[in-house]
Amino acid sequence: MTVIEIQRLVEGANANLTDKERNCVVGDSGSGAPRFEVYHFAFSLCSEKVRTVLAEKQVSYISHDVQILPPSMENYYPGYVKLRMKGGEVTADRMVGAYTGRSSTESEGFDPCVVPTVVDHKAGKVLVDSKAICMYLDKIINGGSELVPNDIADEVQRQVSIVDRTPHVAVLYGADPDGDVRPDFVQEAMVGIHDFKVMKLRENMKEARDDEKLMAAYEHKIQKETAAKHFVQTPGDMRAAISEIKQIVRELDFDLATSNGDWVCGERYTLADVVWAVSLFRLKWLGMGYLWEAENASLDRIANYAKRLFDRLSFQQAVIHWPRSPPSKYVREYYS
């Protein structure tokens, strides 16, 4: 992709992103423009992974904190979707449509209307999958922590894939049919949200009538959100998602018991720890910390591991204290 093509797409995506507080440079870029331009959302799980990696690598970047919740839904704007689709061209034949409560591109297909998206201006690339973005950043940036060391790369990637496939989205948008523990404001916000998403998608389609690929992208996204509404309203699907998360937590405890170090892959902090930090904090934020806390004191390895993860400076900067990241009653101790 040429510099001119990239610039044209970026300008189109940025046309509606005008809030100076949410669209600014993060970190010290020196005298030149930052190499990376990052489209993300404060509370997006996948965005949190990418921001934490950037913090670990000590990289400055142009930050676009895209509002992906009602009423604006900036991630549905045609300019942003066009930019994202350029990065997702290799997977355009397997767009999203179904829904399993996950955000993994590998299992769900390419979603043209989500975050994060990263533009590497130096390489002329648009990157659209959080797992691939994190791997890419670690490979090409020399500074900061080495997050995927060659000698343990296979185990790091195995752990990253476990978190990538965890049904985090299901337990955010859907209630546990046996007792909804999500914060009250989340429960209220999720009422009717999928119908609202479909409505906003159809509104944006009016501006895309002359673009066949863009229209197809919106149609696929509508199929996904329609399926999501059915999923979160189906008790059996939600119970299965929660049961899977419980099993994943139990397996994490086993991996920690055999890691021979403070971190999940041993003595070195890696990308596996970055993604586990995001995952465990989200579950705790939603009220699911009971999986390894008070009622499950036998899993104190996870509780101690989580504390080490949450206390790390990069995670504090990129997630806990990131502007506009909302606290919940379950993580009050991290917000003074």
C-alpha atoms as a PDB file:
ATOM      1  CA  MET A   1       0.000   0.000   0.000  1.00  0.00           C
ATOM      2  CA  THR A   2       1.440   3.383  -0.970  1.00  0.00           C
ATOM      3  CA  VAL A   3       1.916   6.315   1.380  1.00  0.00           C
ATOM      4  CA  ILE A   4      -0.707   8.244  -0.580  1.00  0.00           C
ATOM      5  CA  GLU A   5      -3.257   5.405  -0.249  1.00  0.00           C
ATOM      6  CA  ILE A   6      -2.642   5.149   3.484  1.00  0.00           C
ATOM      7  CA  GLN A   7      -2.933   8.884   3.962  1.00  0.00           C
ATOM      8  CA  ARG A   8      -6.180   9.051   2.003  1.00  0.00           C
ATOM      9  CA  LEU A   9      -7.739   6.276   4.086  1.00  0.00           C
ATOM     10  CA  VAL A  10      -6.521   7.785   7.356  1.00  0.00           C
ATOM     11  CA  GLU A  11      -7.914  11.196   6.424  1.00  0.00           C
ATOM     12  CA  GLY A  12     -11.264   9.572   5.642  1.00  0.00           C
ATOM     13  CA  ALA A  13     -11.302   7.730   8.971  1.00  0.00           C
ATOM     14  CA  ASN A  14     -10.280  10.841  10.917  1.00  0.00           C
ATOM     15  CA  ALA A  15     -12.811  13.183   9.313  1.00  0.00           C
ATOM     16  CA  ASN A  16     -15.390  12.573  12.052  1.00  0.00           C
ATOM     17  CA  LEU A  17     -12.929  12.112  14.921  1.00  0.00           C
ATOM     18  CA  THR A  18     -12.583  15.710  16.056  1.00  0.00           C
ATOM     19  CA  ASP A  19     -12.639  15.608  19.870  1.00  0.00           C
ATOM     20  CA  LYS A  20      -9.144  16.809  20.837  1.00  0.00           C
ATOM     21  CA  GLU A  21      -9.212  15.003  24.184  1.00  0.00           C
ATOM     22  CA  ARG A  22      -9.837  11.651  22.490  1.00  0.00           C
ATOM     23  CA  ASN A  23      -7.657  12.246  19.431  1.00  0.00           C
ATOM     24  CA  CYS A  24      -4.127  13.175  20.431  1.00  0.00           C
ATOM     25  CA  VAL A  25      -0.528  11.993  20.684  1.00  0.00           C
ATOM     26  CA  VAL A  26       0.307   9.625  23.557  1.00  0.00           C
ATOM     27  CA  GLY A  27       3.893   9.635  24.784  1.00  0.00           C
ATOM     28  CA  ASP A  28       6.867  11.668  23.656  1.00  0.00           C
ATOM     29  CA  SER A  29       7.234  11.486  19.886  1.00  0.00           C
ATOM     30  CA  GLY A  30      10.182  13.881  19.758  1.00  0.00           C
ATOM     31  CA  SER A  31      10.300  16.247  16.807  1.00  0.00           C
ATOM     32  CA  GLY A  32       8.639  13.998  14.244  1.00  0.00           C
ATOM     33  CA  ALA A  33       5.193  12.488  13.794  1.00  0.00           C
ATOM     34  CA  PRO A  34       4.660   9.118  15.522  1.00  0.00           C
ATOM     35  CA  ARG A  35       5.039   6.026  13.386  1.00  0.00           C
ATOM     36  CA  PHE A  36       1.822   4.447  14.617  1.00  0.00           C
ATOM     37  CA  GLU A  37      -1.776   5.632  14.537  1.00  0.00           C
ATOM     38  CA  VAL A  38      -4.040   3.634  16.845  1.00  0.00           C
ATOM     39  CA  TYR A  39      -7.846   3.439  16.698  1.00  0.00           C
ATOM     40  CA  HIS A  40      -9.127   1.951  19.940  1.00  0.00           C
ATOM     41  CA  PHE A  41     -11.702   2.389  22.691  1.00  0.00           C
ATOM     42  CA  ALA A  42     -11.033   3.001  26.384  1.00  0.00           C
ATOM     43  CA  PHE A  43     -12.992  -0.052  27.574  1.00  0.00           C
ATOM     44  CA  SER A  44     -12.371  -2.387  24.632  1.00  0.00           C
ATOM     45  CA  LEU A  45     -10.695  -5.596  25.803  1.00  0.00           C
ATOM     46  CA  CYS A  46      -8.673  -5.974  22.604  1.00  0.00           C
ATOM     47  CA  SER A  47      -7.714  -2.287  22.687  1.00  0.00           C
ATOM     48  CA  GLU A  48      -6.425  -2.727  26.232  1.00  0.00           C
ATOM     49  CA  LYS A  49      -4.084  -5.482  25.056  1.00  0.00           C
ATOM     50  CA  VAL A  50      -2.617  -3.277  22.317  1.00  0.00           C
ATOM     51  CA  ARG A  51      -2.257  -0.224  24.579  1.00  0.00           C
ATOM     52  CA  THR A  52      -0.471  -2.312  27.220  1.00  0.00           C
ATOM     53  CA  VAL A  53       1.989  -3.626  24.644  1.00  0.00           C
ATOM     54  CA  LEU A  54       2.654  -0.083  23.421  1.00  0.00           C
ATOM     55  CA  ALA A  55       3.260   0.985  27.019  1.00  0.00           C
ATOM     56  CA  GLU A  56       5.640  -1.936  27.594  1.00  0.00           C
ATOM     57  CA  LYS A  57       7.492  -1.089  24.383  1.00  0.00           C
ATOM     58  CA  GLN A  58       7.587   2.594  25.413  1.00  0.00           C
ATOM     59  CA  VAL A  59       6.273   3.785  22.052  1.00  0.00           C
ATOM     60  CA  SER A  60       4.481   7.049  21.298  1.00  0.00           C
ATOM     61  CA  TYR A  61       1.520   6.994  18.946  1.00  0.00           C
ATOM     62  CA  ILE A  62      -1.393   8.983  17.595  1.00  0.00           C
ATOM     63  CA  SER A  63      -4.349   7.891  19.689  1.00  0.00           C
ATOM     64  CA  HIS A  64      -7.939   7.854  18.459  1.00  0.00           C
ATOM     65  CA  ASP A  65     -10.150   6.819  21.384  1.00  0.00           C
ATOM     66  CA  VAL A  66     -13.133   5.835  19.249  1.00  0.00           C
ATOM     67  CA  GLN A  67     -16.549   5.877  20.936  1.00  0.00           C
ATOM     68  CA  ILE A  68     -18.047   2.463  20.130  1.00  0.00           C
ATOM     69  CA  LEU A  69     -21.072   2.650  22.448  1.00  0.00           C
ATOM     70  CA  PRO A  70     -24.388   4.495  22.018  1.00  0.00           C
ATOM     71  CA  PRO A  71     -25.230   7.058  20.963  1.00  0.00           C
ATOM     72  CA  SER A  72     -22.402   7.865  18.531  1.00  0.00           C
ATOM     73  CA  MET A  73     -20.938   4.462  17.493  1.00  0.00           C
ATOM     74  CA  GLU A  74     -17.991   6.085  15.691  1.00  0.00           C
ATOM     75  CA  ASN A  75     -16.652   2.676  14.672  1.00  0.00           C
ATOM     76  CA  TYR A  76     -19.556   2.381  12.216  1.00  0.00           C
ATOM     77  CA  TYR A  77     -18.614   5.502  10.234  1.00  0.00           C
ATOM     78  CA  PRO A  78     -17.885   4.605   6.577  1.00  0.00           C
ATOM     79  CA  GLY A  79     -14.455   6.253   6.654  1.00  0.00           C
ATOM     80  CA  TYR A  80     -13.290   4.123   9.563  1.00  0.00           C
ATOM     81  CA  VAL A  81     -14.779   0.927   8.124  1.00  0.00           C
ATOM     82  CA  LYS A  82     -13.004   1.541   4.792  1.00  0.00           C
ATOM     83  CA  LEU A  83      -9.671   1.918   6.587  1.00  0.00           C
ATOM     84  CA  ARG A  84     -10.222  -1.236   8.600  1.00  0.00           C
ATOM     85  CA  MET A  85     -11.293  -3.233   5.554  1.00  0.00           C
ATOM     86  CA  LYS A  86      -8.028  -2.345   3.839  1.00  0.00           C
ATOM     87  CA  GLY A  87      -6.194  -4.117   6.624  1.00  0.00           C
ATOM     88  CA  GLY A  88      -8.624  -7.032   6.535  1.00  0.00           C
ATOM     89  CA  GLU A  89      -8.530  -7.704   2.823  1.00  0.00           C
ATOM     90  CA  VAL A  90      -6.887 -11.102   3.304  1.00  0.00           C
ATOM     91  CA  THR A  91      -9.853 -12.284   5.389  1.00  0.00           C
ATOM     92  CA  ALA A  92     -12.653 -10.463   3.565  1.00  0.00           C
ATOM     93  CA  ASP A  93     -13.966 -13.786   2.286  1.00  0.00           C
ATOM     94  CA  ARG A  94     -14.730 -14.881   5.829  1.00  0.00           C
ATOM     95  CA  MET A  95     -16.477 -11.900   7.359  1.00  0.00           C
ATOM     96  CA  VAL A  96     -18.318 -12.243  10.654  1.00  0.00           C
ATOM     97  CA  GLY A  97     -21.913 -13.367  10.618  1.00  0.00           C
ATOM     98  CA  ALA A  98     -22.395 -15.837  13.446  1.00  0.00           C
ATOM     99  CA  TYR A  99     -21.693 -15.215  17.136  1.00  0.00           C
ATOM    100  CA  THR A 100     -20.149 -17.278  19.947  1.00  0.00           C
ATOM    101  CA  GLY A 101     -19.437 -14.533  22.480  1.00  0.00           C
ATOM    102  CA  ARG A 102     -15.775 -14.210  21.497  1.00  0.00           C
ATOM    103  CA  SER A 103     -13.813 -11.450  19.785  1.00  0.00           C
ATOM    104  CA  SER A 104     -11.194 -13.679  18.160  1.00  0.00           C
ATOM    105  CA  THR A 105     -10.688 -13.067  14.443  1.00  0.00           C
ATOM    106  CA  GLU A 106      -9.432 -16.640  14.078  1.00  0.00           C
ATOM    107  CA  SER A 107     -12.669 -18.195  15.319  1.00  0.00           C
ATOM    108  CA  GLU A 108     -15.253 -15.524  14.505  1.00  0.00           C
ATOM    109  CA  GLY A 109     -13.998 -14.134  11.208  1.00  0.00           C
ATOM    110  CA  PHE A 110     -13.130 -10.564  10.270  1.00  0.00           C
ATOM    111  CA  ASP A 111     -15.325  -7.875  11.820  1.00  0.00           C
ATOM    112  CA  PRO A 112     -15.103  -4.642   9.768  1.00  0.00           C
ATOM    113  CA  CYS A 113     -16.705  -2.439  12.443  1.00  0.00           C
ATOM    114  CA  VAL A 114     -14.687  -2.953  15.624  1.00  0.00           C
ATOM    115  CA  VAL A 115     -11.478  -1.755  17.269  1.00  0.00           C
ATOM    116  CA  PRO A 116      -8.518  -1.829  17.501  1.00  0.00           C
ATOM    117  CA  THR A 117      -7.003  -0.864  14.171  1.00  0.00           C
ATOM    118  CA  VAL A 118      -3.359   0.187  13.909  1.00  0.00           C
ATOM    119  CA  VAL A 119      -1.725   2.050  11.026  1.00  0.00           C
ATOM    120  CA  ASP A 120       2.047   1.632  10.657  1.00  0.00           C
ATOM    121  CA  HIS A 121       2.909   4.663   8.546  1.00  0.00           C
ATOM    122  CA  LYS A 122       6.539   3.641   8.108  1.00  0.00           C
ATOM    123  CA  ALA A 123       5.717   0.189   6.755  1.00  0.00           C
ATOM    124  CA  GLY A 124       2.546   1.261   4.939  1.00  0.00           C
ATOM    125  CA  LYS A 125       0.389  -1.313   6.733  1.00  0.00           C
ATOM    126  CA  VAL A 126      -3.069  -1.406   8.302  1.00  0.00           C
ATOM    127  CA  LEU A 127      -3.318  -4.002  11.092  1.00  0.00           C
ATOM    128  CA  VAL A 128      -6.727  -5.158  12.303  1.00  0.00           C
ATOM    129  CA  ASP A 129      -6.475  -8.108  14.714  1.00  0.00           C
ATOM    130  CA  SER A 130      -5.335  -7.486  18.291  1.00  0.00           C
ATOM    131  CA  LYS A 131      -3.435 -10.753  18.582  1.00  0.00           C
ATOM    132  CA  ALA A 132      -1.577 -10.114  15.320  1.00  0.00           C
ATOM    133  CA  ILE A 133      -1.023  -6.453  16.237  1.00  0.00           C
ATOM    134  CA  CYS A 134       0.602  -7.348  19.564  1.00  0.00           C
ATOM    135  CA  MET A 135       2.881  -9.920  17.918  1.00  0.00           C
ATOM    136  CA  TYR A 136       3.788  -7.448  15.186  1.00  0.00           C
ATOM    137  CA  LEU A 137       4.623  -4.621  17.579  1.00  0.00           C
ATOM    138  CA  ASP A 138       6.861  -6.841  19.680  1.00  0.00           C
ATOM    139  CA  LYS A 139       8.709  -8.062  16.594  1.00  0.00           C
ATOM    140  CA  ILE A 140       9.429  -4.706  14.945  1.00  0.00           C
ATOM    141  CA  ILE A 141      10.053  -2.467  18.000  1.00  0.00           C
ATOM    142  CA  ASN A 142      13.477  -2.850  19.577  1.00  0.00           C
ATOM    143  CA  GLY A 143      12.884  -0.851  22.757  1.00  0.00           C
ATOM    144  CA  GLY A 144      11.150  -1.880  25.957  1.00  0.00           C
ATOM    145  CA  SER A 145      10.367  -5.409  27.059  1.00  0.00           C
ATOM    146  CA  GLU A 146      10.806  -8.425  24.796  1.00  0.00           C
ATOM    147  CA  LEU A 147       7.345  -9.936  25.030  1.00  0.00           C
ATOM    148  CA  VAL A 148       7.693 -13.039  22.840  1.00  0.00           C
ATOM    149  CA  PRO A 149      11.165 -14.487  23.557  1.00  0.00           C
ATOM    150  CA  ASN A 150      12.227 -17.023  20.936  1.00  0.00           C
ATOM    151  CA  ASP A 151      12.984 -19.812  23.393  1.00  0.00           C
ATOM    152  CA  ILE A 152       9.458 -19.812  24.888  1.00  0.00           C
ATOM    153  CA  ALA A 153       7.539 -18.391  21.906  1.00  0.00           C
ATOM    154  CA  ASP A 154       5.343 -21.482  21.488  1.00  0.00           C
ATOM    155  CA  GLU A 155       4.123 -21.411  25.087  1.00  0.00           C
ATOM    156  CA  VAL A 156       3.579 -17.642  24.995  1.00  0.00           C
ATOM    157  CA  GLN A 157       1.486 -17.975  21.862  1.00  0.00           C
ATOM    158  CA  ARG A 158      -0.487 -20.867  23.370  1.00  0.00           C
ATOM    159  CA  GLN A 159      -1.432 -18.711  26.339  1.00  0.00           C
ATOM    160  CA  VAL A 160      -2.297 -15.755  24.101  1.00  0.00           C
ATOM    161  CA  SER A 161      -4.587 -17.989  22.049  1.00  0.00           C
ATOM    162  CA  ILE A 162      -6.378 -19.228  25.183  1.00  0.00           C
ATOM    163  CA  VAL A 163      -7.240 -15.664  26.184  1.00  0.00           C
ATOM    164  CA  ASP A 164      -8.106 -14.745  22.591  1.00  0.00           C
ATOM    165  CA  ARG A 165     -10.722 -17.524  22.483  1.00  0.00           C
ATOM    166  CA  THR A 166     -12.247 -16.795  25.906  1.00  0.00           C
ATOM    167  CA  PRO A 167     -15.909 -15.658  25.604  1.00  0.00           C
ATOM    168  CA  HIS A 168     -15.375 -12.278  27.271  1.00  0.00           C
ATOM    169  CA  VAL A 169     -17.897 -10.539  25.034  1.00  0.00           C
ATOM    170  CA  ALA A 170     -20.675 -12.902  26.058  1.00  0.00           C
ATOM    171  CA  VAL A 171     -20.344 -12.125  29.775  1.00  0.00           C
ATOM    172  CA  LEU A 172     -20.236  -8.371  29.148  1.00  0.00           C
ATOM    173  CA  TYR A 173     -23.337  -8.177  26.973  1.00  0.00           C
ATOM    174  CA  GLY A 174     -25.224 -11.102  28.477  1.00  0.00           C
ATOM    175  CA  ALA A 175     -26.392 -11.949  31.985  1.00  0.00           C
ATOM    176  CA  ASP A 176     -25.714 -15.090  33.956  1.00  0.00           C
ATOM    177  CA  PRO A 177     -29.199 -16.673  33.926  1.00  0.00           C
ATOM    178  CA  ASP A 178     -28.555 -17.967  37.445  1.00  0.00           C
ATOM    179  CA  GLY A 179     -27.756 -14.528  38.876  1.00  0.00           C
ATOM    180  CA  ASP A 180     -26.550 -11.399  37.103  1.00  0.00           C
ATOM    181  CA  VAL A 181     -23.522 -10.026  38.974  1.00  0.00           C
ATOM    182  CA  ARG A 182     -22.521  -7.378  36.445  1.00  0.00           C
ATOM    183  CA  PRO A 183     -22.456  -3.775  37.721  1.00  0.00           C
ATOM    184  CA  ASP A 184     -25.911  -2.199  37.677  1.00  0.00           C
ATOM    185  CA  PHE A 185     -24.944   0.416  35.099  1.00  0.00           C
ATOM    186  CA  VAL A 186     -23.739  -2.321  32.739  1.00  0.00           C
ATOM    187  CA  GLN A 187     -26.996  -4.237  33.084  1.00  0.00           C
ATOM    188  CA  GLU A 188     -28.915  -1.071  32.232  1.00  0.00           C
ATOM    189  CA  ALA A 189     -26.668  -0.138  29.311  1.00  0.00           C
ATOM    190  CA  MET A 190     -26.990  -3.543  27.658  1.00  0.00           C
ATOM    191  CA  VAL A 191     -30.787  -3.499  27.438  1.00  0.00           C
ATOM    192  CA  GLY A 192     -31.672  -3.275  23.752  1.00  0.00           C
ATOM    193  CA  ILE A 193     -28.090  -2.559  22.710  1.00  0.00           C
ATOM    194  CA  HIS A 194     -28.044  -5.002  19.800  1.00  0.00           C
ATOM    195  CA  ASP A 195     -31.168  -3.464  18.283  1.00  0.00           C
ATOM    196  CA  PHE A 196     -29.539  -0.045  18.616  1.00  0.00           C
ATOM    197  CA  LYS A 197     -26.398  -1.307  16.900  1.00  0.00           C
ATOM    198  CA  VAL A 198     -28.399  -2.624  13.957  1.00  0.00           C
ATOM    199  CA  MET A 199     -30.229   0.686  13.690  1.00  0.00           C
ATOM    200  CA  LYS A 200     -26.931   2.635  13.604  1.00  0.00           C
ATOM    201  CA  LEU A 201     -25.488   0.245  11.034  1.00  0.00           C
ATOM    202  CA  ARG A 202     -28.467   0.819   8.759  1.00  0.00           C
ATOM    203  CA  GLU A 203     -28.079   4.585   9.187  1.00  0.00           C
ATOM    204  CA  ASN A 204     -24.466   4.411   8.036  1.00  0.00           C
ATOM    205  CA  MET A 205     -25.392   2.165   5.121  1.00  0.00           C
ATOM    206  CA  LYS A 206     -27.210   5.127   3.588  1.00  0.00           C
ATOM    207  CA  GLU A 207     -23.814   6.726   2.959  1.00  0.00           C
ATOM    208  CA  ALA A 208     -22.402   3.533   1.444  1.00  0.00           C
ATOM    209  CA  ARG A 209     -24.962   2.713  -1.233  1.00  0.00           C
ATOM    210  CA  ASP A 210     -22.467   3.190  -4.064  1.00  0.00           C
ATOM    211  CA  ASP A 211     -19.813   0.982  -2.457  1.00  0.00           C
ATOM    212  CA  GLU A 212     -20.599  -2.704  -2.879  1.00  0.00           C
ATOM    213  CA  LYS A 213     -17.848  -3.936  -0.542  1.00  0.00           C
ATOM    214  CA  LEU A 214     -18.842  -1.503   2.177  1.00  0.00           C
ATOM    215  CA  MET A 215     -22.491  -2.498   1.914  1.00  0.00           C
ATOM    216  CA  ALA A 216     -21.511  -6.163   2.221  1.00  0.00           C
ATOM    217  CA  ALA A 217     -19.431  -5.376   5.311  1.00  0.00           C
ATOM    218  CA  TYR A 218     -22.391  -3.703   7.004  1.00  0.00           C
ATOM    219  CA  GLU A 219     -24.669  -6.616   6.119  1.00  0.00           C
ATOM    220  CA  HIS A 220     -22.265  -9.088   7.711  1.00  0.00           C
ATOM    221  CA  LYS A 221     -22.052  -6.947  10.826  1.00  0.00           C
ATOM    222  CA  ILE A 222     -25.853  -6.806  11.048  1.00  0.00           C
ATOM    223  CA  GLN A 223     -25.958 -10.607  10.843  1.00  0.00           C
ATOM    224  CA  LYS A 224     -23.462 -10.811  13.704  1.00  0.00           C
ATOM    225  CA  GLU A 225     -25.341  -8.394  15.960  1.00  0.00           C
ATOM    226  CA  THR A 226     -28.637 -10.157  15.252  1.00  0.00           C
ATOM    227  CA  ALA A 227     -27.032 -13.471  16.219  1.00  0.00           C
ATOM    228  CA  ALA A 228     -25.504 -11.839  19.310  1.00  0.00           C
ATOM    229  CA  LYS A 229     -28.915 -10.689  20.517  1.00  0.00           C
ATOM    230  CA  HIS A 230     -30.209 -14.252  20.273  1.00  0.00           C
ATOM    231  CA  PHE A 231     -27.105 -15.676  21.996  1.00  0.00           C
ATOM    232  CA  VAL A 232     -27.213 -13.447  25.088  1.00  0.00           C
ATOM    233  CA  GLN A 233     -30.948 -14.061  25.494  1.00  0.00           C
ATOM    234  CA  THR A 234     -30.503 -17.854  25.391  1.00  0.00           C
ATOM    235  CA  PRO A 235     -29.817 -19.277  28.901  1.00  0.00           C
ATOM    236  CA  GLY A 236     -28.110 -22.384  27.547  1.00  0.00           C
ATOM    237  CA  ASP A 237     -25.634 -20.363  25.498  1.00  0.00           C
ATOM    238  CA  MET A 238     -24.814 -18.089  28.427  1.00  0.00           C
ATOM    239  CA  ARG A 239     -24.382 -20.997  30.848  1.00  0.00           C
ATOM    240  CA  ALA A 240     -22.033 -22.664  28.370  1.00  0.00           C
ATOM    241  CA  ALA A 241     -19.952 -19.481  28.039  1.00  0.00           C
ATOM    242  CA  ILE A 242     -19.669 -19.093  31.819  1.00  0.00           C
ATOM    243  CA  SER A 243     -18.815 -22.759  32.253  1.00  0.00           C
ATOM    244  CA  GLU A 244     -16.054 -22.398  29.671  1.00  0.00           C
ATOM    245  CA  ILE A 245     -14.593 -19.416  31.506  1.00  0.00           C
ATOM    246  CA  LYS A 246     -14.593 -21.374  34.772  1.00  0.00           C
ATOM    247  CA  GLN A 247     -12.656 -24.175  33.086  1.00  0.00           C
ATOM    248  CA  ILE A 248     -10.173 -21.705  31.587  1.00  0.00           C
ATOM    249  CA  VAL A 249      -9.533 -20.246  35.048  1.00  0.00           C
ATOM    250  CA  ARG A 250      -8.922 -23.711  36.496  1.00  0.00           C
ATOM    251  CA  GLU A 251      -6.436 -24.448  33.702  1.00  0.00           C
ATOM    252  CA  LEU A 252      -4.665 -21.144  34.357  1.00  0.00           C
ATOM    253  CA  ASP A 253      -4.192 -22.191  37.977  1.00  0.00           C
ATOM    254  CA  PHE A 254      -2.547 -25.411  36.794  1.00  0.00           C
ATOM    255  CA  ASP A 255      -0.256 -23.516  34.408  1.00  0.00           C
ATOM    256  CA  LEU A 256       0.782 -21.135  37.193  1.00  0.00           C
ATOM    257  CA  ALA A 257       1.539 -24.078  39.469  1.00  0.00           C
ATOM    258  CA  THR A 258       3.988 -25.456  36.894  1.00  0.00           C
ATOM    259  CA  SER A 259       5.463 -22.206  35.556  1.00  0.00           C
ATOM    260  CA  ASN A 260       8.526 -22.053  37.871  1.00  0.00           C
ATOM    261  CA  GLY A 261       8.365 -18.292  38.150  1.00  0.00           C
ATOM    262  CA  ASP A 262       6.219 -15.257  38.951  1.00  0.00           C
ATOM    263  CA  TRP A 263       4.687 -15.205  35.486  1.00  0.00           C
ATOM    264  CA  VAL A 264       2.621 -17.710  33.545  1.00  0.00           C
ATOM    265  CA  CYS A 265       5.505 -18.741  31.278  1.00  0.00           C
ATOM    266  CA  GLY A 266       8.201 -18.654  33.941  1.00  0.00           C
ATOM    267  CA  GLU A 267      10.512 -15.946  35.219  1.00  0.00           C
ATOM    268  CA  ARG A 268       9.976 -13.443  32.388  1.00  0.00           C
ATOM    269  CA  TYR A 269       7.012 -11.135  31.872  1.00  0.00           C
ATOM    270  CA  THR A 270       5.687 -11.816  28.367  1.00  0.00           C
ATOM    271  CA  LEU A 271       2.793 -11.127  26.036  1.00  0.00           C
ATOM    272  CA  ALA A 272       0.995 -13.994  27.763  1.00  0.00           C
ATOM    273  CA  ASP A 273       0.966 -11.937  30.957  1.00  0.00           C
ATOM    274  CA  VAL A 274      -0.219  -8.844  29.084  1.00  0.00           C
ATOM    275  CA  VAL A 275      -3.323 -10.617  27.817  1.00  0.00           C
ATOM    276  CA  TRP A 276      -3.992 -12.448  31.089  1.00  0.00           C
ATOM    277  CA  ALA A 277      -3.867  -9.121  32.915  1.00  0.00           C
ATOM    278  CA  VAL A 278      -6.542  -7.727  30.605  1.00  0.00           C
ATOM    279  CA  SER A 279      -8.653 -10.884  30.873  1.00  0.00           C
ATOM    280  CA  LEU A 280      -8.536 -11.249  34.658  1.00  0.00           C
ATOM    281  CA  PHE A 281      -9.141  -7.555  35.261  1.00  0.00           C
ATOM    282  CA  ARG A 282     -12.178  -7.617  32.985  1.00  0.00           C
ATOM    283  CA  LEU A 283     -13.622 -10.669  34.742  1.00  0.00           C
ATOM    284  CA  LYS A 284     -13.023  -9.069  38.151  1.00  0.00           C
ATOM    285  CA  TRP A 285     -14.488  -5.766  36.883  1.00  0.00           C
ATOM    286  CA  LEU A 286     -17.654  -7.646  35.873  1.00  0.00           C
ATOM    287  CA  GLY A 287     -18.010  -9.314  39.270  1.00  0.00           C
ATOM    288  CA  MET A 288     -16.502 -12.675  38.290  1.00  0.00           C
ATOM    289  CA  GLY A 289     -13.485 -12.390  40.560  1.00  0.00           C
ATOM    290  CA  TYR A 290     -15.286 -14.945  42.733  1.00  0.00           C
ATOM    291  CA  LEU A 291     -13.858 -17.561  40.353  1.00  0.00           C
ATOM    292  CA  TRP A 292     -10.497 -17.277  42.113  1.00  0.00           C
ATOM    293  CA  GLU A 293     -11.096 -15.111  45.179  1.00  0.00           C
ATOM    294  CA  ALA A 294     -13.123 -15.515  48.400  1.00  0.00           C
ATOM    295  CA  GLU A 295     -15.180 -18.553  47.467  1.00  0.00           C
ATOM    296  CA  ASN A 296     -12.205 -20.282  45.870  1.00  0.00           C
ATOM    297  CA  ALA A 297      -9.327 -19.635  48.232  1.00  0.00           C
ATOM    298  CA  SER A 298      -7.657 -22.755  46.845  1.00  0.00           C
ATOM    299  CA  LEU A 299      -6.911 -20.677  43.740  1.00  0.00           C
ATOM    300  CA  ASP A 300      -4.792 -18.149  45.628  1.00  0.00           C
ATOM    301  CA  ARG A 301      -2.093 -18.581  42.975  1.00  0.00           C
ATOM    302  CA  ILE A 302      -4.350 -16.716  40.558  1.00  0.00           C
ATOM    303  CA  ALA A 303      -5.180 -14.034  43.116  1.00  0.00           C
ATOM    304  CA  ASN A 304      -1.477 -13.378  43.742  1.00  0.00           C
ATOM    305  CA  TYR A 305      -0.710 -13.498  40.022  1.00  0.00           C
ATOM    306  CA  ALA A 306      -3.529 -11.052  39.292  1.00  0.00           C
ATOM    307  CA  LYS A 307      -2.174  -8.605  41.866  1.00  0.00           C
ATOM    308  CA  ARG A 308       1.271  -8.687  40.244  1.00  0.00           C
ATOM    309  CA  LEU A 309      -0.321  -8.109  36.848  1.00  0.00           C
ATOM    310  CA  PHE A 310      -2.548  -5.249  37.958  1.00  0.00           C
ATOM    311  CA  ASP A 311       0.303  -3.530  39.827  1.00  0.00           C
ATOM    312  CA  ARG A 312       2.545  -3.395  36.751  1.00  0.00           C
ATOM    313  CA  LEU A 313       3.087   0.184  35.560  1.00  0.00           C
ATOM    314  CA  SER A 314       2.257  -0.469  31.900  1.00  0.00           C
ATOM    315  CA  PHE A 315      -1.089  -2.006  32.842  1.00  0.00           C
ATOM    316  CA  GLN A 316      -1.875   0.822  35.233  1.00  0.00           C
ATOM    317  CA  GLN A 317      -1.171   3.348  32.472  1.00  0.00           C
ATOM    318  CA  ALA A 318      -2.887   1.565  29.603  1.00  0.00           C
ATOM    319  CA  VAL A 319      -5.936   0.101  31.349  1.00  0.00           C
ATOM    320  CA  ILE A 320      -6.739   1.023  34.945  1.00  0.00           C
ATOM    321  CA  HIS A 321      -5.926   4.729  34.703  1.00  0.00           C
ATOM    322  CA  TRP A 322      -6.507   5.204  31.004  1.00  0.00           C
ATOM    323  CA  PRO A 323      -8.766   8.276  30.549  1.00  0.00           C
ATOM    324  CA  ARG A 324     -12.461   7.398  30.343  1.00  0.00           C
ATOM    325  CA  SER A 325     -11.929   3.841  31.608  1.00  0.00           C
ATOM    326  CA  PRO A 326     -14.894   3.360  33.936  1.00  0.00           C
ATOM    327  CA  PRO A 327     -14.365   1.807  37.378  1.00  0.00           C
ATOM    328  CA  SER A 328     -16.799  -0.696  38.851  1.00  0.00           C
ATOM    329  CA  LYS A 329     -17.585  -1.551  42.453  1.00  0.00           C
ATOM    330  CA  TYR A 330     -15.546  -4.741  42.097  1.00  0.00           C
ATOM    331  CA  VAL A 331     -12.229  -2.964  41.463  1.00  0.00           C
ATOM    332  CA  ARG A 332     -12.574   0.057  43.741  1.00  0.00           C
ATOM    333  CA  GLU A 333      -9.244  -0.596  45.395  1.00  0.00           C
ATOM    334  CA  TYR A 334      -7.485   0.422  42.168  1.00  0.00           C
ATOM    335  CA  TYR A 335      -9.182   3.825  41.983  1.00  0.00           C
ATOM    336  CA  SER A 336      -8.336   6.354  44.676  1.00  0.00           C
END
